[in-house]
PDB file of N, CA and C in Angstrom:
ATOM      1  N   MET A   1      11.916  60.648  -0.403  1.00  0.00           N
ATOM      2  CA  MET A   1      13.090  59.993  -0.925  1.00  0.00           C
ATOM      3  C   MET A   1      14.010  59.668   0.252  1.00  0.00           C
ATOM      4  N   GLU A   2      14.462  58.420   0.324  1.00  0.00           N
ATOM      5  CA  GLU A   2      15.380  57.976   1.380  1.00  0.00           C
ATOM      6  C   GLU A   2      16.807  58.357   0.973  1.00  0.00           C
ATOM      7  N   LEU A   3      17.492  59.109   1.829  1.00  0.00           N
ATOM      8  CA  LEU A   3      18.814  59.637   1.494  1.00  0.00           C
ATOM      9  C   LEU A   3      19.968  58.803   2.036  1.00  0.00           C
ATOM     10  N   GLY A   4      19.712  57.887   2.939  1.00  0.00           N
ATOM     11  CA  GLY A   4      20.771  57.068   3.517  1.00  0.00           C
ATOM     12  C   GLY A   4      21.198  57.566   4.885  1.00  0.00           C
ATOM     13  N   ALA A   5      22.222  56.941   5.420  1.00  0.00           N
ATOM     14  CA  ALA A   5      22.732  57.292   6.749  1.00  0.00           C
ATOM     15  C   ALA A   5      23.185  58.747   6.760  1.00  0.00           C
ATOM     16  N   PHE A   6      22.941  59.424   7.874  1.00  0.00           N
ATOM     17  CA  PHE A   6      23.297  60.836   8.002  1.00  0.00           C
ATOM     18  C   PHE A   6      24.460  60.991   8.976  1.00  0.00           C
ATOM     19  N   SER A   7      25.368  61.885   8.635  1.00  0.00           N
ATOM     20  CA  SER A   7      26.441  62.269   9.548  1.00  0.00           C
ATOM     21  C   SER A   7      26.834  63.711   9.243  1.00  0.00           C
ATOM     22  N   VAL A   8      27.625  64.256  10.133  1.00  0.00           N
ATOM     23  CA  VAL A   8      28.190  65.576   9.914  1.00  0.00           C
ATOM     24  C   VAL A   8      29.689  65.383   9.704  1.00  0.00           C
ATOM     25  N   SER A   9      30.199  65.905   8.607  1.00  0.00           N
ATOM     26  CA  SER A   9      31.627  65.845   8.300  1.00  0.00           C
ATOM     27  C   SER A   9      32.250  67.167   8.719  1.00  0.00           C
ATOM     28  N   LEU A  10      33.167  67.083   9.671  1.00  0.00           N
ATOM     29  CA  LEU A  10      33.781  68.288  10.228  1.00  0.00           C
ATOM     30  C   LEU A  10      35.174  68.509   9.646  1.00  0.00           C
ATOM     31  N   ALA A  11      35.419  69.708   9.153  1.00  0.00           N
ATOM     32  CA  ALA A  11      36.742  70.108   8.682  1.00  0.00           C
ATOM     33  C   ALA A  11      37.521  70.552   9.914  1.00  0.00           C
ATOM     34  N   VAL A  12      38.505  69.746  10.332  1.00  0.00           N
ATOM     35  CA  VAL A  12      39.232  70.030  11.571  1.00  0.00           C
ATOM     36  C   VAL A  12      40.665  70.467  11.276  1.00  0.00           C
ATOM     37  N   GLN A  13      41.233  71.214  12.200  1.00  0.00           N
ATOM     38  CA  GLN A  13      42.611  71.690  12.072  1.00  0.00           C
ATOM     39  C   GLN A  13      43.628  70.683  12.597  1.00  0.00           C
ATOM     40  N   ASP A  14      43.267  69.966  13.668  1.00  0.00           N
ATOM     41  CA  ASP A  14      44.166  69.008  14.312  1.00  0.00           C
ATOM     42  C   ASP A  14      43.344  67.770  14.650  1.00  0.00           C
ATOM     43  N   ILE A  15      43.511  66.709  13.878  1.00  0.00           N
ATOM     44  CA  ILE A  15      42.644  65.541  14.018  1.00  0.00           C
ATOM     45  C   ILE A  15      42.765  64.892  15.394  1.00  0.00           C
ATOM     46  N   GLU A  16      43.954  64.854  15.973  1.00  0.00           N
ATOM     47  CA  GLU A  16      44.112  64.237  17.291  1.00  0.00           C
ATOM     48  C   GLU A  16      43.472  65.079  18.392  1.00  0.00           C
ATOM     49  N   ALA A  17      43.601  66.394  18.299  1.00  0.00           N
ATOM     50  CA  ALA A  17      42.957  67.266  19.282  1.00  0.00           C
ATOM     51  C   ALA A  17      41.434  67.134  19.180  1.00  0.00           C
ATOM     52  N   SER A  18      40.926  67.052  17.948  1.00  0.00           N
ATOM     53  CA  SER A  18      39.482  66.890  17.754  1.00  0.00           C
ATOM     54  C   SER A  18      39.021  65.534  18.257  1.00  0.00           C
ATOM     55  N   ARG A  19      39.796  64.490  17.990  1.00  0.00           N
ATOM     56  CA  ARG A  19      39.446  63.152  18.472  1.00  0.00           C
ATOM     57  C   ARG A  19      39.363  63.145  19.998  1.00  0.00           C
ATOM     58  N   THR A  20      40.341  63.727  20.655  1.00  0.00           N
ATOM     59  CA  THR A  20      40.353  63.789  22.111  1.00  0.00           C
ATOM     60  C   THR A  20      39.131  64.534  22.630  1.00  0.00           C
ATOM     61  N   PHE A  21      38.802  65.655  21.997  1.00  0.00           N
ATOM     62  CA  PHE A  21      37.650  66.454  22.404  1.00  0.00           C
ATOM     63  C   PHE A  21      36.351  65.646  22.290  1.00  0.00           C
ATOM     64  N   TYR A  22      36.116  65.046  21.124  1.00  0.00           N
ATOM     65  CA  TYR A  22      34.862  64.329  20.911  1.00  0.00           C
ATOM     66  C   TYR A  22      34.791  63.033  21.718  1.00  0.00           C
ATOM     67  N   GLU A  23      35.921  62.398  21.968  1.00  0.00           N
ATOM     68  CA  GLU A  23      35.909  61.224  22.848  1.00  0.00           C
ATOM     69  C   GLU A  23      35.537  61.625  24.274  1.00  0.00           C
ATOM     70  N   ALA A  24      35.936  62.818  24.702  1.00  0.00           N
ATOM     71  CA  ALA A  24      35.536  63.315  26.024  1.00  0.00           C
ATOM     72  C   ALA A  24      34.026  63.525  26.098  1.00  0.00           C
ATOM     73  N   LEU A  25      33.388  63.761  24.948  1.00  0.00           N
ATOM     74  CA  LEU A  25      31.935  63.914  24.887  1.00  0.00           C
ATOM     75  C   LEU A  25      31.219  62.563  24.789  1.00  0.00           C
ATOM     76  N   GLY A  26      31.978  61.489  24.742  1.00  0.00           N
ATOM     77  CA  GLY A  26      31.384  60.158  24.682  1.00  0.00           C
ATOM     78  C   GLY A  26      31.398  59.506  23.322  1.00  0.00           C
ATOM     79  N   PHE A  27      31.991  60.129  22.328  1.00  0.00           N
ATOM     80  CA  PHE A  27      32.090  59.509  21.000  1.00  0.00           C
ATOM     81  C   PHE A  27      33.174  58.438  21.037  1.00  0.00           C
ATOM     82  N   GLU A  28      32.959  57.391  20.243  1.00  0.00           N
ATOM     83  CA  GLU A  28      33.913  56.291  20.156  1.00  0.00           C
ATOM     84  C   GLU A  28      34.335  56.078  18.710  1.00  0.00           C
ATOM     85  N   PHE A  29      35.547  55.588  18.529  1.00  0.00           N
ATOM     86  CA  PHE A  29      36.085  55.289  17.206  1.00  0.00           C
ATOM     87  C   PHE A  29      35.178  54.293  16.491  1.00  0.00           C
ATOM     88  N   ALA A  30      34.835  54.590  15.229  1.00  0.00           N
ATOM     89  CA  ALA A  30      33.994  53.694  14.439  1.00  0.00           C
ATOM     90  C   ALA A  30      34.621  53.378  13.082  1.00  0.00           C
ATOM     91  N   GLY A  31      35.720  54.038  12.741  1.00  0.00           N
ATOM     92  CA  GLY A  31      36.370  53.771  11.467  1.00  0.00           C
ATOM     93  C   GLY A  31      37.324  54.890  11.088  1.00  0.00           C
ATOM     94  N   GLY A  32      38.026  54.674   9.988  1.00  0.00           N
ATOM     95  CA  GLY A  32      38.942  55.690   9.494  1.00  0.00           C
ATOM     96  C   GLY A  32      40.375  55.417   9.864  1.00  0.00           C
ATOM     97  N   ASP A  33      41.239  56.376   9.545  1.00  0.00           N
ATOM     98  CA  ASP A  33      42.673  56.237   9.765  1.00  0.00           C
ATOM     99  C   ASP A  33      43.254  57.625  10.034  1.00  0.00           C
ATOM    100  N   ALA A  34      43.647  57.871  11.273  1.00  0.00           N
ATOM    101  CA  ALA A  34      44.199  59.184  11.636  1.00  0.00           C
ATOM    102  C   ALA A  34      45.440  59.514  10.816  1.00  0.00           C
ATOM    103  N   ALA A  35      46.217  58.503  10.432  1.00  0.00           N
ATOM    104  CA  ALA A  35      47.415  58.737   9.618  1.00  0.00           C
ATOM    105  C   ALA A  35      47.049  59.274   8.235  1.00  0.00           C
ATOM    106  N   GLN A  36      45.826  58.988   7.787  1.00  0.00           N
ATOM    107  CA  GLN A  36      45.331  59.508   6.513  1.00  0.00           C
ATOM    108  C   GLN A  36      44.454  60.735   6.721  1.00  0.00           C
ATOM    109  N   ASN A  37      44.398  61.242   7.958  1.00  0.00           N
ATOM    110  CA  ASN A  37      43.685  62.472   8.318  1.00  0.00           C
ATOM    111  C   ASN A  37      42.161  62.365   8.252  1.00  0.00           C
ATOM    112  N   TRP A  38      41.614  61.179   8.539  1.00  0.00           N
ATOM    113  CA  TRP A  38      40.162  61.066   8.639  1.00  0.00           C
ATOM    114  C   TRP A  38      39.786  59.989   9.648  1.00  0.00           C
ATOM    115  N   LEU A  39      38.751  60.302  10.437  1.00  0.00           N
ATOM    116  CA  LEU A  39      38.221  59.384  11.442  1.00  0.00           C
ATOM    117  C   LEU A  39      36.705  59.475  11.449  1.00  0.00           C
ATOM    118  N   ILE A  40      36.062  58.373  11.760  1.00  0.00           N
ATOM    119  CA  ILE A  40      34.620  58.338  11.956  1.00  0.00           C
ATOM    120  C   ILE A  40      34.393  57.995  13.426  1.00  0.00           C
ATOM    121  N   LEU A  41      33.589  58.809  14.100  1.00  0.00           N
ATOM    122  CA  LEU A  41      33.279  58.604  15.513  1.00  0.00           C
ATOM    123  C   LEU A  41      31.774  58.495  15.675  1.00  0.00           C
ATOM    124  N   ARG A  42      31.348  57.714  16.668  1.00  0.00           N
ATOM    125  CA  ARG A  42      29.917  57.513  16.880  1.00  0.00           C
ATOM    126  C   ARG A  42      29.602  57.595  18.369  1.00  0.00           C
ATOM    127  N   ASN A  43      28.447  58.191  18.662  1.00  0.00           N
ATOM    128  CA  ASN A  43      27.893  58.234  20.010  1.00  0.00           C
ATOM    129  C   ASN A  43      26.424  57.857  19.863  1.00  0.00           C
ATOM    130  N   GLY A  44      26.069  56.630  20.226  1.00  0.00           N
ATOM    131  CA  GLY A  44      24.704  56.156  20.004  1.00  0.00           C
ATOM    132  C   GLY A  44      24.408  56.131  18.520  1.00  0.00           C
ATOM    133  N   THR A  45      23.378  56.850  18.116  1.00  0.00           N
ATOM    134  CA  THR A  45      23.010  56.898  16.700  1.00  0.00           C
ATOM    135  C   THR A  45      23.588  58.118  15.984  1.00  0.00           C
ATOM    136  N   THR A  46      24.423  58.876  16.678  1.00  0.00           N
ATOM    137  CA  THR A  46      25.018  60.079  16.093  1.00  0.00           C
ATOM    138  C   THR A  46      26.408  59.756  15.545  1.00  0.00           C
ATOM    139  N   THR A  47      26.632  60.103  14.289  1.00  0.00           N
ATOM    140  CA  THR A  47      27.913  59.844  13.641  1.00  0.00           C
ATOM    141  C   THR A  47      28.510  61.151  13.156  1.00  0.00           C
ATOM    142  N   ILE A  48      29.808  61.328  13.432  1.00  0.00           N
ATOM    143  CA  ILE A  48      30.543  62.470  12.895  1.00  0.00           C
ATOM    144  C   ILE A  48      31.803  61.957  12.212  1.00  0.00           C
ATOM    145  N   GLY A  49      32.225  62.683  11.204  1.00  0.00           N
ATOM    146  CA  GLY A  49      33.495  62.411  10.555  1.00  0.00           C
ATOM    147  C   GLY A  49      34.429  63.574  10.821  1.00  0.00           C
ATOM    148  N   LEU A  50      35.671  63.265  11.152  1.00  0.00           N
ATOM    149  CA  LEU A  50      36.702  64.294  11.338  1.00  0.00           C
ATOM    150  C   LEU A  50      37.631  64.210  10.138  1.00  0.00           C
ATOM    151  N   PHE A  51      37.797  65.314   9.430  1.00  0.00           N
ATOM    152  CA  PHE A  51      38.600  65.336   8.210  1.00  0.00           C
ATOM    153  C   PHE A  51      39.569  66.512   8.267  1.00  0.00           C
ATOM    154  N   GLN A  52      40.847  66.225   8.371  1.00  0.00           N
ATOM    155  CA  GLN A  52      41.866  67.268   8.432  1.00  0.00           C
ATOM    156  C   GLN A  52      42.431  67.518   7.035  1.00  0.00           C
ATOM    157  N   GLY A  53      42.279  68.748   6.553  1.00  0.00           N
ATOM    158  CA  GLY A  53      42.849  69.137   5.271  1.00  0.00           C
ATOM    159  C   GLY A  53      42.124  68.614   4.050  1.00  0.00           C
ATOM    160  N   MET A  54      40.914  68.111   4.196  1.00  0.00           N
ATOM    161  CA  MET A  54      40.189  67.545   3.059  1.00  0.00           C
ATOM    162  C   MET A  54      39.057  68.424   2.567  1.00  0.00           C
ATOM    163  N   PHE A  55      38.432  69.167   3.471  1.00  0.00           N
ATOM    164  CA  PHE A  55      37.301  70.010   3.118  1.00  0.00           C
ATOM    165  C   PHE A  55      37.532  71.416   3.659  1.00  0.00           C
ATOM    166  N   GLU A  56      36.974  72.399   2.981  1.00  0.00           N
ATOM    167  CA  GLU A  56      37.069  73.777   3.456  1.00  0.00           C
ATOM    168  C   GLU A  56      36.071  74.071   4.556  1.00  0.00           C
ATOM    169  N   LYS A  57      34.894  73.452   4.482  1.00  0.00           N
ATOM    170  CA  LYS A  57      33.804  73.732   5.411  1.00  0.00           C
ATOM    171  C   LYS A  57      33.246  72.438   5.987  1.00  0.00           C
ATOM    172  N   ASN A  58      32.585  72.560   7.125  1.00  0.00           N
ATOM    173  CA  ASN A  58      31.803  71.448   7.648  1.00  0.00           C
ATOM    174  C   ASN A  58      30.663  71.187   6.676  1.00  0.00           C
ATOM    175  N   MET A  59      30.209  69.922   6.617  1.00  0.00           N
ATOM    176  CA  MET A  59      29.096  69.635   5.719  1.00  0.00           C
ATOM    177  C   MET A  59      28.254  68.479   6.232  1.00  0.00           C
ATOM    178  N   MET A  60      26.995  68.517   5.829  1.00  0.00           N
ATOM    179  CA  MET A  60      26.106  67.387   6.072  1.00  0.00           C
ATOM    180  C   MET A  60      26.457  66.318   5.048  1.00  0.00           C
ATOM    181  N   THR A  61      26.411  65.052   5.492  1.00  0.00           N
ATOM    182  CA  THR A  61      26.739  63.950   4.599  1.00  0.00           C
ATOM    183  C   THR A  61      25.658  62.883   4.682  1.00  0.00           C
ATOM    184  N   PHE A  62      25.231  62.398   3.521  1.00  0.00           N
ATOM    185  CA  PHE A  62      24.294  61.287   3.432  1.00  0.00           C
ATOM    186  C   PHE A  62      24.981  60.145   2.705  1.00  0.00           C
ATOM    187  N   ASN A  63      24.822  58.931   3.215  1.00  0.00           N
ATOM    188  CA  ASN A  63      25.428  57.748   2.608  1.00  0.00           C
ATOM    189  C   ASN A  63      24.341  56.769   2.159  1.00  0.00           C
ATOM    190  N   PRO A  64      23.861  56.916   0.905  1.00  0.00           N
ATOM    191  CA  PRO A  64      22.891  55.945   0.397  1.00  0.00           C
ATOM    192  C   PRO A  64      23.482  54.531   0.466  1.00  0.00           C
ATOM    193  N   GLY A  65      22.643  53.575   0.855  1.00  0.00           N
ATOM    194  CA  GLY A  65      23.091  52.183   0.919  1.00  0.00           C
ATOM    195  C   GLY A  65      23.598  51.748   2.265  1.00  0.00           C
ATOM    196  N   TRP A  66      23.704  52.670   3.210  1.00  0.00           N
ATOM    197  CA  TRP A  66      24.174  52.345   4.560  1.00  0.00           C
ATOM    198  C   TRP A  66      23.114  52.667   5.593  1.00  0.00           C
ATOM    199  N   ASN A  67      23.104  51.886   6.679  1.00  0.00           N
ATOM    200  CA  ASN A  67      22.299  52.255   7.832  1.00  0.00           C
ATOM    201  C   ASN A  67      23.155  53.126   8.753  1.00  0.00           C
ATOM    202  N   ALA A  68      22.637  53.492   9.910  1.00  0.00           N
ATOM    203  CA  ALA A  68      23.342  54.409  10.824  1.00  0.00           C
ATOM    204  C   ALA A  68      24.629  53.817  11.387  1.00  0.00           C
ATOM    205  N   LYS A  69      24.833  52.508  11.254  1.00  0.00           N
ATOM    206  CA  LYS A  69      26.065  51.873  11.740  1.00  0.00           C
ATOM    207  C   LYS A  69      27.031  51.572  10.588  1.00  0.00           C
ATOM    208  N   ALA A  70      26.801  52.188   9.442  1.00  0.00           N
ATOM    209  CA  ALA A  70      27.633  51.996   8.245  1.00  0.00           C
ATOM    210  C   ALA A  70      27.606  50.552   7.768  1.00  0.00           C
ATOM    211  N   GLU A  71      26.462  49.898   7.951  1.00  0.00           N
ATOM    212  CA  GLU A  71      26.273  48.542   7.453  1.00  0.00           C
ATOM    213  C   GLU A  71      25.452  48.618   6.169  1.00  0.00           C
ATOM    214  N   PRO A  72      25.805  47.814   5.160  1.00  0.00           N
ATOM    215  CA  PRO A  72      25.075  47.862   3.890  1.00  0.00           C
ATOM    216  C   PRO A  72      23.611  47.462   4.052  1.00  0.00           C
ATOM    217  N   LEU A  73      22.750  48.146   3.313  1.00  0.00           N
ATOM    218  CA  LEU A  73      21.323  47.833   3.282  1.00  0.00           C
ATOM    219  C   LEU A  73      21.030  46.924   2.101  1.00  0.00           C
ATOM    220  N   ASP A  74      20.037  46.059   2.249  1.00  0.00           N
ATOM    221  CA  ASP A  74      19.638  45.175   1.156  1.00  0.00           C
ATOM    222  C   ASP A  74      19.020  45.955   0.002  1.00  0.00           C
ATOM    223  N   THR A  75      18.188  46.941   0.334  1.00  0.00           N
ATOM    224  CA  THR A  75      17.567  47.774  -0.688  1.00  0.00           C
ATOM    225  C   THR A  75      17.746  49.239  -0.297  1.00  0.00           C
ATOM    226  N   PHE A  76      17.958  50.078  -1.294  1.00  0.00           N
ATOM    227  CA  PHE A  76      18.138  51.504  -1.060  1.00  0.00           C
ATOM    228  C   PHE A  76      18.002  52.253  -2.373  1.00  0.00           C
ATOM    229  N   VAL A  77      17.838  53.568  -2.277  1.00  0.00           N
ATOM    230  CA  VAL A  77      17.774  54.426  -3.461  1.00  0.00           C
ATOM    231  C   VAL A  77      19.207  54.766  -3.857  1.00  0.00           C
ATOM    232  N   ASP A  78      19.590  54.391  -5.060  1.00  0.00           N
ATOM    233  CA  ASP A  78      20.938  54.621  -5.554  1.00  0.00           C
ATOM    234  C   ASP A  78      21.227  56.121  -5.676  1.00  0.00           C
ATOM    235  N   VAL A  79      22.484  56.487  -5.426  1.00  0.00           N
ATOM    236  CA  VAL A  79      22.901  57.885  -5.479  1.00  0.00           C
ATOM    237  C   VAL A  79      22.602  58.520  -6.839  1.00  0.00           C
ATOM    238  N   ARG A  80      22.621  57.733  -7.909  1.00  0.00           N
ATOM    239  CA  ARG A  80      22.330  58.261  -9.244  1.00  0.00           C
ATOM    240  C   ARG A  80      20.865  58.661  -9.374  1.00  0.00           C
ATOM    241  N   GLU A  81      19.976  57.876  -8.751  1.00  0.00           N
ATOM    242  CA  GLU A  81      18.552  58.220  -8.754  1.00  0.00           C
ATOM    243  C   GLU A  81      18.308  59.486  -7.944  1.00  0.00           C
ATOM    244  N   ILE A  82      18.984  59.609  -6.809  1.00  0.00           N
ATOM    245  CA  ILE A  82      18.843  60.812  -5.998  1.00  0.00           C
ATOM    246  C   ILE A  82      19.312  62.027  -6.789  1.00  0.00           C
ATOM    247  N   ALA A  83      20.454  61.904  -7.457  1.00  0.00           N
ATOM    248  CA  ALA A  83      21.001  63.000  -8.253  1.00  0.00           C
ATOM    249  C   ALA A  83      20.039  63.395  -9.364  1.00  0.00           C
ATOM    250  N   LYS A  84      19.510  62.414 -10.070  1.00  0.00           N
ATOM    251  CA  LYS A  84      18.575  62.674 -11.174  1.00  0.00           C
ATOM    252  C   LYS A  84      17.331  63.400 -10.662  1.00  0.00           C
ATOM    253  N   ASP A  85      16.808  62.960  -9.523  1.00  0.00           N
ATOM    254  CA  ASP A  85      15.626  63.576  -8.937  1.00  0.00           C
ATOM    255  C   ASP A  85      15.900  65.026  -8.540  1.00  0.00           C
ATOM    256  N   LEU A  86      17.043  65.272  -7.926  1.00  0.00           N
ATOM    257  CA  LEU A  86      17.378  66.638  -7.498  1.00  0.00           C
ATOM    258  C   LEU A  86      17.601  67.561  -8.697  1.00  0.00           C
ATOM    259  N   GLU A  87      18.259  67.058  -9.734  1.00  0.00           N
ATOM    260  CA  GLU A  87      18.446  67.871 -10.945  1.00  0.00           C
ATOM    261  C   GLU A  87      17.095  68.191 -11.589  1.00  0.00           C
ATOM    262  N   ALA A  88      16.174  67.224 -11.586  1.00  0.00           N
ATOM    263  CA  ALA A  88      14.840  67.458 -12.146  1.00  0.00           C
ATOM    264  C   ALA A  88      14.092  68.523 -11.356  1.00  0.00           C
ATOM    265  N   LYS A  89      14.456  68.687 -10.089  1.00  0.00           N
ATOM    266  CA  LYS A  89      13.840  69.704  -9.237  1.00  0.00           C
ATOM    267  C   LYS A  89      14.584  71.035  -9.301  1.00  0.00           C
ATOM    268  N   GLY A  90      15.566  71.137 -10.218  1.00  0.00           N
ATOM    269  CA  GLY A  90      16.264  72.397 -10.435  1.00  0.00           C
ATOM    270  C   GLY A  90      17.512  72.617  -9.600  1.00  0.00           C
ATOM    271  N   GLN A  91      17.964  71.590  -8.891  1.00  0.00           N
ATOM    272  CA  GLN A  91      19.170  71.739  -8.071  1.00  0.00           C
ATOM    273  C   GLN A  91      20.422  71.583  -8.932  1.00  0.00           C
ATOM    274  N   THR A  92      21.440  72.367  -8.630  1.00  0.00           N
ATOM    275  CA  THR A  92      22.720  72.281  -9.330  1.00  0.00           C
ATOM    276  C   THR A  92      23.652  71.374  -8.537  1.00  0.00           C
ATOM    277  N   LEU A  93      24.123  70.317  -9.184  1.00  0.00           N
ATOM    278  CA  LEU A  93      25.012  69.367  -8.524  1.00  0.00           C
ATOM    279  C   LEU A  93      26.464  69.719  -8.818  1.00  0.00           C
ATOM    280  N   LEU A  94      27.302  69.542  -7.814  1.00  0.00           N
ATOM    281  CA  LEU A  94      28.736  69.809  -7.921  1.00  0.00           C
ATOM    282  C   LEU A  94      29.513  68.523  -7.682  1.00  0.00           C
ATOM    283  N   HIS A  95      30.735  68.478  -8.115  1.00  0.00           N
ATOM    284  CA  HIS A  95      31.641  67.365  -7.821  1.00  0.00           C
ATOM    285  C   HIS A  95      30.997  66.013  -8.108  1.00  0.00           C
ATOM    286  N   LYS A  96      30.397  65.881  -9.265  1.00  0.00           N
ATOM    287  CA  LYS A  96      29.700  64.645  -9.602  1.00  0.00           C
ATOM    288  C   LYS A  96      30.687  63.534  -9.952  1.00  0.00           C
ATOM    289  N   ASN A  97      30.496  62.383  -9.321  1.00  0.00           N
ATOM    290  CA  ASN A  97      31.225  61.163  -9.636  1.00  0.00           C
ATOM    291  C   ASN A  97      30.170  60.063  -9.700  1.00  0.00           C
ATOM    292  N   LEU A  98      29.472  59.982 -10.824  1.00  0.00           N
ATOM    293  CA  LEU A  98      28.288  59.138 -10.931  1.00  0.00           C
ATOM    294  C   LEU A  98      28.354  58.155 -12.095  1.00  0.00           C
ATOM    295  N   GLU A  99      29.529  57.835 -12.549  1.00  0.00           N
ATOM    296  CA  GLU A  99      29.678  56.909 -13.673  1.00  0.00           C
ATOM    297  C   GLU A  99      29.416  55.475 -13.225  1.00  0.00           C
ATOM    298  N   GLY A 100      28.863  54.675 -14.104  1.00  0.00           N
ATOM    299  CA  GLY A 100      28.678  53.257 -13.848  1.00  0.00           C
ATOM    300  C   GLY A 100      27.704  52.956 -12.731  1.00  0.00           C
ATOM    301  N   THR A 101      28.009  51.893 -11.976  1.00  0.00           N
ATOM    302  CA  THR A 101      27.182  51.464 -10.856  1.00  0.00           C
ATOM    303  C   THR A 101      28.058  51.369  -9.611  1.00  0.00           C
ATOM    304  N   GLY A 102      27.431  51.116  -8.484  1.00  0.00           N
ATOM    305  CA  GLY A 102      28.180  50.980  -7.232  1.00  0.00           C
ATOM    306  C   GLY A 102      28.505  52.333  -6.628  1.00  0.00           C
ATOM    307  N   PRO A 103      29.714  52.464  -6.058  1.00  0.00           N
ATOM    308  CA  PRO A 103      30.063  53.727  -5.404  1.00  0.00           C
ATOM    309  C   PRO A 103      29.932  54.929  -6.332  1.00  0.00           C
ATOM    310  N   GLY A 104      29.520  56.035  -5.747  1.00  0.00           N
ATOM    311  CA  GLY A 104      29.371  57.282  -6.485  1.00  0.00           C
ATOM    312  C   GLY A 104      29.102  58.411  -5.509  1.00  0.00           C
ATOM    313  N   SER A 105      29.260  59.633  -5.983  1.00  0.00           N
ATOM    314  CA  SER A 105      29.033  60.766  -5.086  1.00  0.00           C
ATOM    315  C   SER A 105      28.729  62.030  -5.868  1.00  0.00           C
ATOM    316  N   PHE A 106      28.135  62.973  -5.164  1.00  0.00           N
ATOM    317  CA  PHE A 106      27.950  64.322  -5.676  1.00  0.00           C
ATOM    318  C   PHE A 106      27.709  65.232  -4.484  1.00  0.00           C
ATOM    319  N   ALA A 107      27.809  66.518  -4.726  1.00  0.00           N
ATOM    320  CA  ALA A 107      27.560  67.505  -3.681  1.00  0.00           C
ATOM    321  C   ALA A 107      26.683  68.606  -4.256  1.00  0.00           C
ATOM    322  N   LEU A 108      26.064  69.338  -3.379  1.00  0.00           N
ATOM    323  CA  LEU A 108      25.352  70.549  -3.730  1.00  0.00           C
ATOM    324  C   LEU A 108      25.477  71.506  -2.560  1.00  0.00           C
ATOM    325  N   VAL A 109      25.040  72.725  -2.763  1.00  0.00           N
ATOM    326  CA  VAL A 109      25.155  73.752  -1.730  1.00  0.00           C
ATOM    327  C   VAL A 109      23.762  74.307  -1.467  1.00  0.00           C
ATOM    328  N   ASP A 110      23.404  74.410  -0.177  1.00  0.00           N
ATOM    329  CA  ASP A 110      22.077  74.944   0.153  1.00  0.00           C
ATOM    330  C   ASP A 110      22.070  76.462  -0.013  1.00  0.00           C
ATOM    331  N   PRO A 111      20.908  77.123   0.095  1.00  0.00           N
ATOM    332  CA  PRO A 111      20.819  78.565  -0.147  1.00  0.00           C
ATOM    333  C   PRO A 111      21.702  79.425   0.765  1.00  0.00           C
ATOM    334  N   ASP A 112      22.136  78.854   1.901  1.00  0.00           N
ATOM    335  CA  ASP A 112      22.995  79.612   2.820  1.00  0.00           C
ATOM    336  C   ASP A 112      24.467  79.277   2.671  1.00  0.00           C
ATOM    337  N   GLY A 113      24.807  78.512   1.636  1.00  0.00           N
ATOM    338  CA  GLY A 113      26.206  78.188   1.375  1.00  0.00           C
ATOM    339  C   GLY A 113      26.716  76.953   2.095  1.00  0.00           C
ATOM    340  N   ASN A 114      25.826  76.184   2.717  1.00  0.00           N
ATOM    341  CA  ASN A 114      26.238  74.972   3.412  1.00  0.00           C
ATOM    342  C   ASN A 114      26.359  73.803   2.424  1.00  0.00           C
ATOM    343  N   PRO A 115      27.513  73.157   2.369  1.00  0.00           N
ATOM    344  CA  PRO A 115      27.671  72.026   1.461  1.00  0.00           C
ATOM    345  C   PRO A 115      26.940  70.783   1.988  1.00  0.00           C
ATOM    346  N   VAL A 116      26.378  70.020   1.047  1.00  0.00           N
ATOM    347  CA  VAL A 116      25.709  68.761   1.355  1.00  0.00           C
ATOM    348  C   VAL A 116      26.312  67.710   0.427  1.00  0.00           C
ATOM    349  N   LEU A 117      26.872  66.646   1.029  1.00  0.00           N
ATOM    350  CA  LEU A 117      27.534  65.595   0.273  1.00  0.00           C
ATOM    351  C   LEU A 117      26.684  64.334   0.281  1.00  0.00           C
ATOM    352  N   PHE A 118      26.536  63.710  -0.881  1.00  0.00           N
ATOM    353  CA  PHE A 118      25.900  62.398  -1.024  1.00  0.00           C
ATOM    354  C   PHE A 118      27.026  61.455  -1.462  1.00  0.00           C
ATOM    355  N   ASP A 119      27.366  60.503  -0.608  1.00  0.00           N
ATOM    356  CA  ASP A 119      28.545  59.672  -0.820  1.00  0.00           C
ATOM    357  C   ASP A 119      28.168  58.205  -0.621  1.00  0.00           C
ATOM    358  N   GLN A 120      27.957  57.501  -1.731  1.00  0.00           N
ATOM    359  CA  GLN A 120      27.556  56.080  -1.685  1.00  0.00           C
ATOM    360  C   GLN A 120      28.795  55.216  -1.791  1.00  0.00           C
ATOM    361  N   HIS A 121      28.958  54.292  -0.848  1.00  0.00           N
ATOM    362  CA  HIS A 121      30.135  53.412  -0.807  1.00  0.00           C
ATOM    363  C   HIS A 121      29.848  51.998  -1.300  1.00  0.00           C
ATOM    364  N   VAL A 122      28.575  51.664  -1.524  1.00  0.00           N
ATOM    365  CA  VAL A 122      28.224  50.291  -1.925  1.00  0.00           C
ATOM    366  C   VAL A 122      27.684  50.263  -3.350  1.00  0.00           C
TER     367      VAL A 122
END
């Protein structure tokens, strides 16, 4: 099953300090708004999100419908199909926002307590 673009969403304490740190590592601004406490940074094919005050823990994030540069794909597995497949496999989904078509999201937690977010924007 194709899950979409992968990134790591980091729960940060100070978004500007984190931005400065990751830019020193070679990451560049790719989207977001620091005034709204979220930024997307990219280094080659690696994408991270910095989120201040939005999440309790760092989490893996998959974006169905996007490639690694956050560009829409012509064809992809919809987040609702992914959710249905995971539920059929016995996974418990949290924070489901899967009404209608288009954007939607859900989360689950792996056996070690790590959150995994599926967040479709298209």
